[in-house]
Amino acid sequence: GAREQLDTREVIGWAAAQRWSTGKVGMSGGSYA
């Protein structure tokens, strides 16, 4: 749903902002993911 899709974007933003990240994010996984 819309809230889950927003969560995905927020997790991407969180990951990109961490000190161990270059700010470039990819996504992986199968089926639902």
Full PDB file with SEQRES, HELIX, SHEET, SSBOND, CRYST1, ORIGX, SCALE, CONECT and MASTER records, all heavy atoms in Angstrom:
SEQRES   1 A   33  GLY ALA ARG GLU GLN LEU ASP THR ARG GLU VAL ILE GLY          
SEQRES   2 A   33  TRP ALA ALA ALA GLN ARG TRP SER THR GLY LYS VAL GLY          
SEQRES   3 A   33  MET SER GLY GLY SER TYR ALA                                  
HELIX    1 AA1 ALA A    2  ALA A   17  1                                  16    
CRYST1    1.000    1.000    1.000  90.00  90.00  90.00 P 1           1          
ORIGX1      1.000000  0.000000  0.000000        0.00000                         
ORIGX2      0.000000  1.000000  0.000000        0.00000                         
ORIGX3      0.000000  0.000000  1.000000        0.00000                         
SCALE1      1.000000  0.000000  0.000000        0.00000                         
SCALE2      0.000000  1.000000  0.000000        0.00000                         
SCALE3      0.000000  0.000000  1.000000        0.00000                         
ATOM      1  N   GLY A   1       0.794  -1.214   0.000  1.00  0.00           N  
ATOM      2  CA  GLY A   1       0.000   0.000   0.000  1.00  0.00           C  
ATOM      3  C   GLY A   1       0.833   1.272   0.000  1.00  0.00           C  
ATOM      4  O   GLY A   1       2.072   1.258   0.016  1.00  0.00           O  
ATOM      5  N   ALA A   2       0.137   2.417   0.013  1.00  0.00           N  
ATOM      6  CA  ALA A   2       0.806   3.710  -0.077  1.00  0.00           C  
ATOM      7  C   ALA A   2       1.757   3.932   1.092  1.00  0.00           C  
ATOM      8  O   ALA A   2       2.865   4.468   0.919  1.00  0.00           O  
ATOM      9  CB  ALA A   2      -0.242   4.817  -0.133  1.00  0.00           C  
ATOM     10  N   ARG A   3       1.360   3.523   2.305  1.00  0.00           N  
ATOM     11  CA  ARG A   3       2.230   3.719   3.456  1.00  0.00           C  
ATOM     12  C   ARG A   3       3.485   2.849   3.334  1.00  0.00           C  
ATOM     13  O   ARG A   3       4.598   3.306   3.638  1.00  0.00           O  
ATOM     14  CB  ARG A   3       1.473   3.386   4.743  1.00  0.00           C  
ATOM     15  CG  ARG A   3       2.275   3.519   6.033  1.00  0.00           C  
ATOM     16  CD  ARG A   3       2.731   4.945   6.305  1.00  0.00           C  
ATOM     17  NE  ARG A   3       4.168   5.087   6.238  1.00  0.00           N  
ATOM     18  CZ  ARG A   3       4.823   6.187   6.595  1.00  0.00           C  
ATOM     19  NH1 ARG A   3       4.152   7.242   7.044  1.00  0.00           N  
ATOM     20  NH2 ARG A   3       6.133   6.256   6.490  1.00  0.00           N  
ATOM     21  N   GLU A   4       3.313   1.618   2.894  1.00  0.00           N  
ATOM     22  CA  GLU A   4       4.476   0.750   2.725  1.00  0.00           C  
ATOM     23  C   GLU A   4       5.405   1.293   1.642  1.00  0.00           C  
ATOM     24  O   GLU A   4       6.638   1.230   1.781  1.00  0.00           O  
ATOM     25  CB  GLU A   4       4.031  -0.671   2.376  1.00  0.00           C  
ATOM     26  CG  GLU A   4       5.184  -1.662   2.276  1.00  0.00           C  
ATOM     27  CD  GLU A   4       4.707  -3.084   2.028  1.00  0.00           C  
ATOM     28  OE1 GLU A   4       4.050  -3.635   2.932  1.00  0.00           O  
ATOM     29  OE2 GLU A   4       4.979  -3.614   0.939  1.00  0.00           O  
ATOM     30  N   GLN A   5       4.841   1.829   0.575  1.00  0.00           N  
ATOM     31  CA  GLN A   5       5.673   2.407  -0.469  1.00  0.00           C  
ATOM     32  C   GLN A   5       6.438   3.619   0.048  1.00  0.00           C  
ATOM     33  O   GLN A   5       7.613   3.826  -0.310  1.00  0.00           O  
ATOM     34  CB  GLN A   5       4.813   2.786  -1.668  1.00  0.00           C  
ATOM     35  CG  GLN A   5       4.215   1.574  -2.380  1.00  0.00           C  
ATOM     36  CD  GLN A   5       3.298   1.964  -3.517  1.00  0.00           C  
ATOM     37  OE1 GLN A   5       3.627   2.848  -4.294  1.00  0.00           O  
ATOM     38  NE2 GLN A   5       2.144   1.331  -3.600  1.00  0.00           N  
ATOM     39  N   LEU A   6       5.805   4.407   0.901  1.00  0.00           N  
ATOM     40  CA  LEU A   6       6.503   5.536   1.509  1.00  0.00           C  
ATOM     41  C   LEU A   6       7.611   5.041   2.429  1.00  0.00           C  
ATOM     42  O   LEU A   6       8.709   5.618   2.468  1.00  0.00           O  
ATOM     43  CB  LEU A   6       5.516   6.413   2.282  1.00  0.00           C  
ATOM     44  CG  LEU A   6       6.114   7.625   3.006  1.00  0.00           C  
ATOM     45  CD1 LEU A   6       6.840   8.543   2.028  1.00  0.00           C  
ATOM     46  CD2 LEU A   6       5.017   8.397   3.757  1.00  0.00           C  
ATOM     47  N   ASP A   7       7.341   3.962   3.176  1.00  0.00           N  
ATOM     48  CA  ASP A   7       8.389   3.362   4.018  1.00  0.00           C  
ATOM     49  C   ASP A   7       9.620   3.016   3.192  1.00  0.00           C  
ATOM     50  O   ASP A   7      10.760   3.264   3.602  1.00  0.00           O  
ATOM     51  CB  ASP A   7       7.869   2.088   4.687  1.00  0.00           C  
ATOM     52  CG  ASP A   7       6.872   2.345   5.794  1.00  0.00           C  
ATOM     53  OD1 ASP A   7       6.720   3.507   6.214  1.00  0.00           O  
ATOM     54  OD2 ASP A   7       6.223   1.374   6.227  1.00  0.00           O  
ATOM     55  N   THR A   8       9.395   2.406   2.029  1.00  0.00           N  
ATOM     56  CA  THR A   8      10.516   2.010   1.174  1.00  0.00           C  
ATOM     57  C   THR A   8      11.367   3.218   0.824  1.00  0.00           C  
ATOM     58  O   THR A   8      12.600   3.180   0.901  1.00  0.00           O  
ATOM     59  CB  THR A   8      10.003   1.346  -0.116  1.00  0.00           C  
ATOM     60  OG1 THR A   8       9.224   0.203   0.222  1.00  0.00           O  
ATOM     61  CG2 THR A   8      11.159   0.922  -1.004  1.00  0.00           C  
ATOM     62  N   ARG A   9      10.731   4.297   0.448  1.00  0.00           N  
ATOM     63  CA  ARG A   9      11.462   5.511   0.102  1.00  0.00           C  
ATOM     64  C   ARG A   9      12.203   6.078   1.313  1.00  0.00           C  
ATOM     65  O   ARG A   9      13.325   6.582   1.186  1.00  0.00           O  
ATOM     66  CB  ARG A   9      10.502   6.544  -0.483  1.00  0.00           C  
ATOM     67  CG  ARG A   9       9.948   6.132  -1.849  1.00  0.00           C  
ATOM     68  CD  ARG A   9       8.819   7.029  -2.328  1.00  0.00           C  
ATOM     69  NE  ARG A   9       8.394   6.610  -3.656  1.00  0.00           N  
ATOM     70  CZ  ARG A   9       8.842   7.120  -4.797  1.00  0.00           C  
ATOM     71  NH1 ARG A   9       9.725   8.109  -4.765  1.00  0.00           N  
ATOM     72  NH2 ARG A   9       8.425   6.669  -5.954  1.00  0.00           N  
ATOM     73  N   GLU A  10      11.588   5.977   2.478  1.00  0.00           N  
ATOM     74  CA  GLU A  10      12.237   6.500   3.684  1.00  0.00           C  
ATOM     75  C   GLU A  10      13.425   5.634   4.094  1.00  0.00           C  
ATOM     76  O   GLU A  10      14.439   6.151   4.575  1.00  0.00           O  
ATOM     77  CB  GLU A  10      11.218   6.627   4.817  1.00  0.00           C  
ATOM     78  CG  GLU A  10      10.186   7.716   4.548  1.00  0.00           C  
ATOM     79  CD  GLU A  10       9.205   7.923   5.685  1.00  0.00           C  
ATOM     80  OE1 GLU A  10       9.266   7.180   6.693  1.00  0.00           O  
ATOM     81  OE2 GLU A  10       8.366   8.843   5.573  1.00  0.00           O  
ATOM     82  N   VAL A  11      13.335   4.327   3.895  1.00  0.00           N  
ATOM     83  CA  VAL A  11      14.480   3.460   4.179  1.00  0.00           C  
ATOM     84  C   VAL A  11      15.617   3.768   3.207  1.00  0.00           C  
ATOM     85  O   VAL A  11      16.800   3.801   3.596  1.00  0.00           O  
ATOM     86  CB  VAL A  11      14.082   1.975   4.098  1.00  0.00           C  
ATOM     87  CG1 VAL A  11      15.309   1.071   4.169  1.00  0.00           C  
ATOM     88  CG2 VAL A  11      13.118   1.612   5.223  1.00  0.00           C  
ATOM     89  N   ILE A  12      15.293   4.004   1.936  1.00  0.00           N  
ATOM     90  CA  ILE A  12      16.314   4.384   0.962  1.00  0.00           C  
ATOM     91  C   ILE A  12      16.993   5.677   1.400  1.00  0.00           C  
ATOM     92  O   ILE A  12      18.230   5.794   1.380  1.00  0.00           O  
ATOM     93  CB  ILE A  12      15.683   4.551  -0.435  1.00  0.00           C  
ATOM     94  CG1 ILE A  12      15.251   3.195  -0.984  1.00  0.00           C  
ATOM     95  CG2 ILE A  12      16.663   5.225  -1.399  1.00  0.00           C  
ATOM     96  CD1 ILE A  12      14.415   3.282  -2.254  1.00  0.00           C  
ATOM     97  N   GLY A  13      16.207   6.660   1.826  1.00  0.00           N  
ATOM     98  CA  GLY A  13      16.768   7.928   2.291  1.00  0.00           C  
ATOM     99  C   GLY A  13      17.632   7.749   3.519  1.00  0.00           C  
ATOM    100  O   GLY A  13      18.705   8.368   3.633  1.00  0.00           O  
ATOM    101  N   TRP A  14      17.165   6.901   4.456  1.00  0.00           N  
ATOM    102  CA  TRP A  14      17.951   6.632   5.666  1.00  0.00           C  
ATOM    103  C   TRP A  14      19.292   5.994   5.305  1.00  0.00           C  
ATOM    104  O   TRP A  14      20.344   6.408   5.805  1.00  0.00           O  
ATOM    105  CB  TRP A  14      17.153   5.713   6.589  1.00  0.00           C  
ATOM    106  CG  TRP A  14      17.899   5.261   7.818  1.00  0.00           C  
ATOM    107  CD1 TRP A  14      17.975   5.902   9.020  1.00  0.00           C  
ATOM    108  CD2 TRP A  14      18.681   4.068   7.948  1.00  0.00           C  
ATOM    109  NE1 TRP A  14      18.749   5.182   9.904  1.00  0.00           N  
ATOM    110  CE2 TRP A  14      19.199   4.048   9.271  1.00  0.00           C  
ATOM    111  CE3 TRP A  14      18.988   3.019   7.096  1.00  0.00           C  
ATOM    112  CZ2 TRP A  14      20.013   3.013   9.731  1.00  0.00           C  
ATOM    113  CZ3 TRP A  14      19.802   1.993   7.552  1.00  0.00           C  
ATOM    114  CH2 TRP A  14      20.303   1.988   8.854  1.00  0.00           C  
ATOM    115  N   ALA A  15      19.252   4.988   4.425  1.00  0.00           N  
ATOM    116  CA  ALA A  15      20.486   4.293   4.046  1.00  0.00           C  
ATOM    117  C   ALA A  15      21.458   5.242   3.356  1.00  0.00           C  
ATOM    118  O   ALA A  15      22.671   5.214   3.619  1.00  0.00           O  
ATOM    119  CB  ALA A  15      20.152   3.114   3.132  1.00  0.00           C  
ATOM    120  N   ALA A  16      20.950   6.093   2.479  1.00  0.00           N  
ATOM    121  CA  ALA A  16      21.819   7.010   1.746  1.00  0.00           C  
ATOM    122  C   ALA A  16      22.490   8.024   2.660  1.00  0.00           C  
ATOM    123  O   ALA A  16      23.592   8.509   2.360  1.00  0.00           O  
ATOM    124  CB  ALA A  16      21.016   7.733   0.664  1.00  0.00           C  
ATOM    125  N   ALA A  17      21.846   8.344   3.794  1.00  0.00           N  
ATOM    126  CA  ALA A  17      22.366   9.372   4.699  1.00  0.00           C  
ATOM    127  C   ALA A  17      23.349   8.841   5.730  1.00  0.00           C  
ATOM    128  O   ALA A  17      23.969   9.640   6.459  1.00  0.00           O  
ATOM    129  CB  ALA A  17      21.189  10.053   5.408  1.00  0.00           C  
ATOM    130  N   GLN A  18      23.544   7.524   5.823  1.00  0.00           N  
ATOM    131  CA  GLN A  18      24.442   6.966   6.837  1.00  0.00           C  
ATOM    132  C   GLN A  18      25.900   7.231   6.475  1.00  0.00           C  
ATOM    133  O   GLN A  18      26.260   7.334   5.304  1.00  0.00           O  
ATOM    134  CB  GLN A  18      24.195   5.474   6.993  1.00  0.00           C  
ATOM    135  CG  GLN A  18      22.780   5.107   7.419  1.00  0.00           C  
ATOM    136  CD  GLN A  18      22.337   5.827   8.678  1.00  0.00           C  
ATOM    137  OE1 GLN A  18      22.955   5.700   9.736  1.00  0.00           O  
ATOM    138  NE2 GLN A  18      21.258   6.602   8.569  1.00  0.00           N  
ATOM    139  N   ARG A  19      26.744   7.310   7.504  1.00  0.00           N  
ATOM    140  CA  ARG A  19      28.165   7.619   7.290  1.00  0.00           C  
ATOM    141  C   ARG A  19      28.853   6.542   6.469  1.00  0.00           C  
ATOM    142  O   ARG A  19      29.856   6.807   5.802  1.00  0.00           O  
ATOM    143  CB  ARG A  19      28.875   7.781   8.635  1.00  0.00           C  
ATOM    144  CG  ARG A  19      28.772   6.553   9.531  1.00  0.00           C  
ATOM    145  CD  ARG A  19      29.516   6.709  10.843  1.00  0.00           C  
ATOM    146  NE  ARG A  19      29.319   5.572  11.726  1.00  0.00           N  
ATOM    147  CZ  ARG A  19      29.916   4.402  11.583  1.00  0.00           C  
ATOM    148  NH1 ARG A  19      30.752   4.207  10.566  1.00  0.00           N  
ATOM    149  NH2 ARG A  19      29.676   3.410  12.418  1.00  0.00           N  
ATOM    150  N   TRP A  20      28.326   5.299   6.486  1.00  0.00           N  
ATOM    151  CA  TRP A  20      28.966   4.217   5.747  1.00  0.00           C  
ATOM    152  C   TRP A  20      28.457   4.105   4.313  1.00  0.00           C  
ATOM    153  O   TRP A  20      28.795   3.175   3.598  1.00  0.00           O  
ATOM    154  CB  TRP A  20      28.780   2.867   6.449  1.00  0.00           C  
ATOM    155  CG  TRP A  20      27.493   2.642   7.190  1.00  0.00           C  
ATOM    156  CD1 TRP A  20      27.321   2.652   8.537  1.00  0.00           C  
ATOM    157  CD2 TRP A  20      26.188   2.374   6.625  1.00  0.00           C  
ATOM    158  NE1 TRP A  20      26.004   2.398   8.858  1.00  0.00           N  
ATOM    159  CE2 TRP A  20      25.290   2.225   7.711  1.00  0.00           C  
ATOM    160  CE3 TRP A  20      25.709   2.252   5.326  1.00  0.00           C  
ATOM    161  CZ2 TRP A  20      23.937   1.951   7.530  1.00  0.00           C  
ATOM    162  CZ3 TRP A  20      24.366   1.988   5.134  1.00  0.00           C  
ATOM    163  CH2 TRP A  20      23.498   1.843   6.216  1.00  0.00           C  
ATOM    164  N   SER A  21      27.646   5.079   3.885  1.00  0.00           N  
ATOM    165  CA  SER A  21      27.077   5.041   2.538  1.00  0.00           C  
ATOM    166  C   SER A  21      27.612   6.177   1.680  1.00  0.00           C  
ATOM    167  O   SER A  21      27.792   7.305   2.154  1.00  0.00           O  
ATOM    168  CB  SER A  21      25.554   5.131   2.600  1.00  0.00           C  
ATOM    169  OG  SER A  21      24.990   5.189   1.301  1.00  0.00           O  
ATOM    170  N   THR A  22      27.853   5.891   0.397  1.00  0.00           N  
ATOM    171  CA  THR A  22      28.240   6.931  -0.550  1.00  0.00           C  
ATOM    172  C   THR A  22      27.058   7.790  -0.966  1.00  0.00           C  
ATOM    173  O   THR A  22      27.235   8.799  -1.650  1.00  0.00           O  
ATOM    174  CB  THR A  22      28.835   6.300  -1.825  1.00  0.00           C  
ATOM    175  OG1 THR A  22      27.846   5.466  -2.440  1.00  0.00           O  
ATOM    176  CG2 THR A  22      30.082   5.487  -1.507  1.00  0.00           C  
ATOM    177  N   GLY A  23      25.870   7.380  -0.571  1.00  0.00           N  
ATOM    178  CA  GLY A  23      24.667   8.074  -1.005  1.00  0.00           C  
ATOM    179  C   GLY A  23      24.050   7.470  -2.245  1.00  0.00           C  
ATOM    180  O   GLY A  23      22.963   7.866  -2.658  1.00  0.00           O  
ATOM    181  N   LYS A  24      24.754   6.483  -2.838  1.00  0.00           N  
ATOM    182  CA  LYS A  24      24.209   5.764  -3.989  1.00  0.00           C  
ATOM    183  C   LYS A  24      23.597   4.456  -3.504  1.00  0.00           C  
ATOM    184  O   LYS A  24      24.277   3.646  -2.871  1.00  0.00           O  
ATOM    185  CB  LYS A  24      25.301   5.485  -5.013  1.00  0.00           C  
ATOM    186  CG  LYS A  24      25.827   6.728  -5.711  1.00  0.00           C  
ATOM    187  CD  LYS A  24      26.834   6.360  -6.799  1.00  0.00           C  
ATOM    188  CE  LYS A  24      27.285   7.586  -7.567  1.00  0.00           C  
ATOM    189  NZ  LYS A  24      28.231   7.225  -8.659  1.00  0.00           N  
ATOM    190  N   VAL A  25      22.313   4.231  -3.836  1.00  0.00           N  
ATOM    191  CA  VAL A  25      21.574   3.076  -3.325  1.00  0.00           C  
ATOM    192  C   VAL A  25      21.037   2.252  -4.498  1.00  0.00           C  
ATOM    193  O   VAL A  25      20.532   2.797  -5.476  1.00  0.00           O  
ATOM    194  CB  VAL A  25      20.413   3.527  -2.422  1.00  0.00           C  
ATOM    195  CG1 VAL A  25      19.562   2.334  -1.984  1.00  0.00           C  
ATOM    196  CG2 VAL A  25      20.943   4.280  -1.210  1.00  0.00           C  
ATOM    197  N   GLY A  26      21.167   0.937  -4.368  1.00  0.00           N  
ATOM    198  CA  GLY A  26      20.515   0.001  -5.277  1.00  0.00           C  
ATOM    199  C   GLY A  26      19.537  -0.837  -4.480  1.00  0.00           C  
ATOM    200  O   GLY A  26      19.549  -0.811  -3.244  1.00  0.00           O  
ATOM    201  N   MET A  27      18.698  -1.587  -5.156  1.00  0.00           N  
ATOM    202  CA  MET A  27      17.762  -2.467  -4.464  1.00  0.00           C  
ATOM    203  C   MET A  27      17.835  -3.859  -5.054  1.00  0.00           C  
ATOM    204  O   MET A  27      18.027  -4.041  -6.262  1.00  0.00           O  
ATOM    205  CB  MET A  27      16.328  -1.938  -4.557  1.00  0.00           C  
ATOM    206  CG  MET A  27      16.086  -0.645  -3.808  1.00  0.00           C  
ATOM    207  SD  MET A  27      14.320  -0.198  -3.762  1.00  0.00           S  
ATOM    208  CE  MET A  27      13.710  -1.392  -2.563  1.00  0.00           C  
ATOM    209  N   SER A  28      17.678  -4.865  -4.180  1.00  0.00           N  
ATOM    210  CA  SER A  28      17.731  -6.265  -4.597  1.00  0.00           C  
ATOM    211  C   SER A  28      16.586  -7.035  -3.956  1.00  0.00           C  
ATOM    212  O   SER A  28      15.853  -6.518  -3.113  1.00  0.00           O  
ATOM    213  CB  SER A  28      19.076  -6.888  -4.200  1.00  0.00           C  
ATOM    214  OG  SER A  28      19.142  -7.052  -2.785  1.00  0.00           O  
ATOM    215  N   GLY A  29      16.456  -8.304  -4.363  1.00  0.00           N  
ATOM    216  CA  GLY A  29      15.450  -9.178  -3.776  1.00  0.00           C  
ATOM    217  C   GLY A  29      14.465  -9.682  -4.812  1.00  0.00           C  
ATOM    218  O   GLY A  29      14.341  -9.131  -5.914  1.00  0.00           O  
ATOM    219  N   GLY A  30      13.758 -10.744  -4.440  1.00  0.00           N  
ATOM    220  CA  GLY A  30      12.843 -11.379  -5.367  1.00  0.00           C  
ATOM    221  C   GLY A  30      11.412 -11.356  -4.897  1.00  0.00           C  
ATOM    222  O   GLY A  30      11.126 -11.169  -3.711  1.00  0.00           O  
ATOM    223  N   SER A  31      10.500 -11.537  -5.841  1.00  0.00           N  
ATOM    224  CA  SER A  31       9.086 -11.676  -5.567  1.00  0.00           C  
ATOM    225  C   SER A  31       8.540 -10.389  -4.935  1.00  0.00           C  
ATOM    226  O   SER A  31       8.569  -9.346  -5.548  1.00  0.00           O  
ATOM    227  CB  SER A  31       8.850 -12.899  -4.690  1.00  0.00           C  
ATOM    228  OG  SER A  31       7.487 -13.241  -4.650  1.00  0.00           O  
ATOM    229  N   TYR A  32       8.057 -10.461  -3.700  1.00  0.00           N  
ATOM    230  CA  TYR A  32       7.513  -9.279  -3.034  1.00  0.00           C  
ATOM    231  C   TYR A  32       8.553  -8.168  -2.980  1.00  0.00           C  
ATOM    232  O   TYR A  32       8.253  -6.999  -3.243  1.00  0.00           O  
ATOM    233  CB  TYR A  32       7.067  -9.664  -1.628  1.00  0.00           C  
ATOM    234  CG  TYR A  32       6.161  -8.671  -0.930  1.00  0.00           C  
ATOM    235  CD1 TYR A  32       4.787  -8.897  -0.849  1.00  0.00           C  
ATOM    236  CD2 TYR A  32       6.671  -7.526  -0.329  1.00  0.00           C  
ATOM    237  CE1 TYR A  32       3.950  -8.002  -0.183  1.00  0.00           C  
ATOM    238  CE2 TYR A  32       5.849  -6.628   0.333  1.00  0.00           C  
ATOM    239  CZ  TYR A  32       4.488  -6.865   0.407  1.00  0.00           C  
ATOM    240  OH  TYR A  32       3.659  -5.975   1.062  1.00  0.00           O  
ATOM    241  N   ALA A  33       9.798  -8.545  -2.649  1.00  0.00           N  
ATOM    242  CA  ALA A  33      10.875  -7.552  -2.608  1.00  0.00           C  
ATOM    243  C   ALA A  33      11.155  -6.994  -3.994  1.00  0.00           C  
ATOM    244  O   ALA A  33      11.583  -5.843  -4.139  1.00  0.00           O  
ATOM    245  CB  ALA A  33      12.142  -8.170  -2.015  1.00  0.00           C  
TER     246      ALA A  33                                                      
MASTER        0    0    0    1    0    0    0    6  245    1    0    3          
END                                                                             
